[in-house]
Amino acid sequence: MNKALKLIAIYIVALSGTACINTSTNIEKTKSKVVDQFSSGLEINTGSIPLQILNDSFEVTPDDGLVLNQTVEVFKLNNGECLSLVTLYNESGFGGYEDLLVFKDSKITTSLQRNLFFLNENGAVMEADIEYDVNVDNSEETQNILIEDFNRYKQKFNSKVISVCK
């Protein structure tokens, strides 16, 4: 009986130790680290799973009817801010762009855009086939477009994003 209790205690200690290791590796990044990754042409690694993933569509110009779709992933950063990472693949099949918006209380604190290119133009796009541009666009025109986009898709945020990102 005493031996069985010891085995159970060892199992519980080992299990809780594993849980501590797993949670310690899931650390949210700081805003500066994410912006550095983005500006360096690296794939963004936030250190956490998205709070929400949503699809956003918009008409390019009101008269031509062309509608583009983009994927919006929202992450929590470690300083109470949140990150909106938006990816759009162009209809051309060889690239697109990615937007990075950091926000808090529905106010954008940082917004950047960069191009992305597919190394393999045929078939499905795999993460390994994407090359990110190191040239970051933060022009006033791009800033205005990103604010307009953010105001459109933030209306689709779920309750978790709304409560965490305020």
Protein backbone atom coordinates (compact mmCIF):
# COMPACT_ATOMS: atom_id res chain seq x y z
CA MET A 1 0.00 0.00 0.00
CA ASN A 2 2.78 2.40 0.91
CA LYS A 3 4.57 1.57 -2.37
CA ALA A 4 1.41 2.26 -4.39
CA LEU A 5 0.99 5.69 -2.78
CA LYS A 6 4.61 6.52 -3.58
CA LEU A 7 4.10 5.56 -7.24
CA ILE A 8 0.98 7.72 -7.45
CA ALA A 9 2.81 10.64 -5.83
CA ILE A 10 5.73 10.29 -8.27
CA TYR A 11 3.30 10.19 -11.20
CA ILE A 12 1.51 13.34 -9.99
CA VAL A 13 4.79 15.21 -9.45
CA ALA A 14 6.05 14.16 -12.90
CA LEU A 15 2.79 15.20 -14.54
CA SER A 16 2.74 18.62 -12.86
CA GLY A 17 6.41 19.16 -13.76
CA THR A 18 5.58 18.50 -17.41
CA ALA A 19 2.72 20.99 -17.24
CA CYS A 20 5.08 23.64 -15.87
CA ILE A 21 7.53 23.03 -18.71
CA ASN A 22 4.78 23.25 -21.33
CA THR A 23 3.38 26.52 -20.04
CA SER A 24 6.80 28.10 -19.68
CA THR A 25 7.52 27.54 -23.40
CA ASN A 26 4.27 29.25 -24.40
CA ILE A 27 5.43 32.79 -23.67
CA GLU A 28 3.83 35.63 -25.58
CA LYS A 29 6.28 37.85 -27.42
CA THR A 30 6.81 41.51 -26.88
CA LYS A 31 5.78 44.02 -29.50
CA SER A 32 9.41 44.88 -30.31
CA LYS A 33 10.36 41.23 -30.95
CA VAL A 34 7.43 40.71 -33.30
CA VAL A 35 8.17 43.95 -35.18
CA ASP A 36 11.86 42.92 -35.42
CA GLN A 37 10.87 39.54 -36.90
CA PHE A 38 8.55 41.25 -39.37
CA SER A 39 11.18 43.83 -40.43
CA SER A 40 13.86 41.14 -40.79
CA GLY A 41 11.88 39.12 -43.32
CA LEU A 42 11.24 36.28 -40.87
CA GLU A 43 8.05 34.34 -40.36
CA ILE A 44 6.21 35.74 -37.33
CA ASN A 45 6.33 33.51 -34.27
CA THR A 46 4.18 34.89 -31.46
CA GLY A 47 4.78 32.00 -29.08
CA SER A 48 1.05 31.36 -28.69
CA ILE A 49 -1.99 30.12 -30.55
CA PRO A 50 -4.33 32.71 -32.09
CA LEU A 51 -7.20 34.05 -30.00
CA GLN A 52 -9.21 34.12 -33.22
CA ILE A 53 -8.76 33.40 -36.93
CA LEU A 54 -11.22 35.04 -39.28
CA ASN A 55 -11.63 35.54 -42.99
CA ASP A 56 -12.11 39.04 -44.31
CA SER A 57 -13.18 39.94 -47.84
CA PHE A 58 -13.27 43.28 -49.56
CA GLU A 59 -14.02 44.64 -53.00
CA VAL A 60 -10.92 46.14 -54.59
CA THR A 61 -12.79 48.88 -56.41
CA PRO A 62 -16.56 49.36 -56.28
CA ASP A 63 -17.01 49.09 -60.06
CA ASP A 64 -14.92 46.09 -61.13
CA GLY A 65 -16.39 43.50 -58.73
CA LEU A 66 -13.01 41.90 -57.90
CA VAL A 67 -13.17 40.62 -54.31
CA LEU A 68 -10.03 39.69 -52.40
CA ASN A 69 -9.93 37.46 -49.34
CA GLN A 70 -7.47 37.74 -46.51
CA THR A 71 -6.90 35.74 -43.33
CA VAL A 72 -6.74 37.63 -40.03
CA GLU A 73 -5.06 35.99 -37.02
CA VAL A 74 -5.29 37.76 -33.66
CA PHE A 75 -2.73 37.04 -30.93
CA LYS A 76 -2.18 38.33 -27.41
CA LEU A 77 1.16 39.98 -26.76
CA ASN A 78 2.72 40.00 -23.30
CA ASN A 79 2.15 43.70 -22.57
CA GLY A 80 -1.64 43.77 -22.83
CA GLU A 81 -1.55 44.65 -26.50
CA CYS A 82 -2.74 42.36 -29.27
CA LEU A 83 -1.37 41.54 -32.69
CA SER A 84 -3.41 41.27 -35.85
CA LEU A 85 -1.47 39.38 -38.52
CA VAL A 86 -3.21 39.63 -41.90
CA THR A 87 -2.22 37.56 -44.93
CA LEU A 88 -3.50 38.07 -48.47
CA TYR A 89 -2.43 35.89 -51.39
CA ASN A 90 -2.74 37.72 -54.72
CA GLU A 91 -4.79 36.24 -57.50
CA SER A 92 -1.58 36.07 -59.58
CA GLY A 93 -0.48 32.95 -57.71
CA PHE A 94 3.06 34.09 -57.01
CA GLY A 95 2.79 36.22 -53.88
CA GLY A 96 0.80 38.63 -51.79
CA TYR A 97 1.33 40.68 -48.70
CA GLU A 98 1.21 40.49 -44.94
CA ASP A 99 0.07 43.20 -42.54
CA LEU A 100 1.13 43.52 -38.92
CA LEU A 101 -1.06 45.63 -36.66
CA VAL A 102 -0.51 45.98 -32.93
CA PHE A 103 -3.50 47.36 -31.08
CA LYS A 104 -5.00 47.93 -27.66
CA ASP A 105 -8.51 49.18 -26.84
CA SER A 106 -9.31 49.10 -30.59
CA LYS A 107 -6.55 51.66 -31.21
CA ILE A 108 -3.66 50.78 -33.50
CA THR A 109 -0.22 51.48 -32.03
CA THR A 110 1.87 49.96 -34.86
CA SER A 111 0.95 49.08 -38.44
CA LEU A 112 3.30 47.73 -41.12
CA GLN A 113 3.01 45.90 -44.43
CA ARG A 114 5.43 43.70 -46.35
CA ASN A 115 5.28 41.67 -49.55
CA LEU A 116 5.59 37.92 -49.66
CA PHE A 117 6.64 35.69 -52.53
CA PHE A 118 6.06 32.02 -53.30
CA LEU A 119 9.19 30.06 -54.15
CA ASN A 120 7.03 27.41 -55.86
CA GLU A 121 4.33 28.82 -58.13
CA ASN A 122 2.50 25.54 -58.74
CA GLY A 123 0.14 23.79 -56.37
CA ALA A 124 -0.76 24.51 -52.77
CA VAL A 125 1.28 27.05 -50.81
CA MET A 126 3.32 25.58 -47.98
CA GLU A 127 4.96 27.73 -45.25
CA ALA A 128 8.39 26.59 -46.50
CA ASP A 129 7.52 27.99 -49.96
CA ILE A 130 7.00 31.55 -48.68
CA GLU A 131 9.74 34.18 -48.68
CA TYR A 132 9.03 37.42 -46.80
CA ASP A 133 10.30 40.75 -48.06
CA VAL A 134 12.58 42.75 -45.74
CA ASN A 135 11.25 46.02 -47.20
CA VAL A 136 8.50 47.22 -44.88
CA ASP A 137 5.92 49.73 -46.09
CA ASN A 138 4.79 52.16 -43.41
CA SER A 139 3.89 55.02 -45.77
CA GLU A 140 0.98 57.29 -44.93
CA GLU A 141 -1.11 55.79 -47.76
CA THR A 142 -0.53 52.26 -46.47
CA GLN A 143 -1.27 53.37 -42.91
CA ASN A 144 -4.65 54.73 -44.03
CA ILE A 145 -5.51 51.50 -45.86
CA LEU A 146 -4.52 49.39 -42.82
CA ILE A 147 -6.67 51.53 -40.52
CA GLU A 148 -9.62 51.16 -42.89
CA ASP A 149 -9.11 47.38 -43.07
CA PHE A 150 -8.79 47.09 -39.29
CA ASN A 151 -11.99 49.08 -38.73
CA ARG A 152 -13.80 46.70 -41.08
CA TYR A 153 -12.70 43.37 -39.62
CA LYS A 154 -12.53 44.35 -35.93
CA GLN A 155 -16.33 44.25 -35.98
CA LYS A 156 -15.98 40.46 -36.37
CA PHE A 157 -13.83 40.01 -33.26
CA ASN A 158 -15.18 37.40 -30.85
CA SER A 159 -15.76 38.06 -27.15
CA LYS A 160 -12.39 36.56 -26.20
CA VAL A 161 -10.48 39.04 -28.39
CA ILE A 162 -12.60 41.94 -27.14
CA SER A 163 -11.98 41.06 -23.48
CA VAL A 164 -8.26 40.25 -23.83
CA CYS A 165 -7.30 43.17 -26.07
CA LYS A 166 -8.65 46.00 -23.91
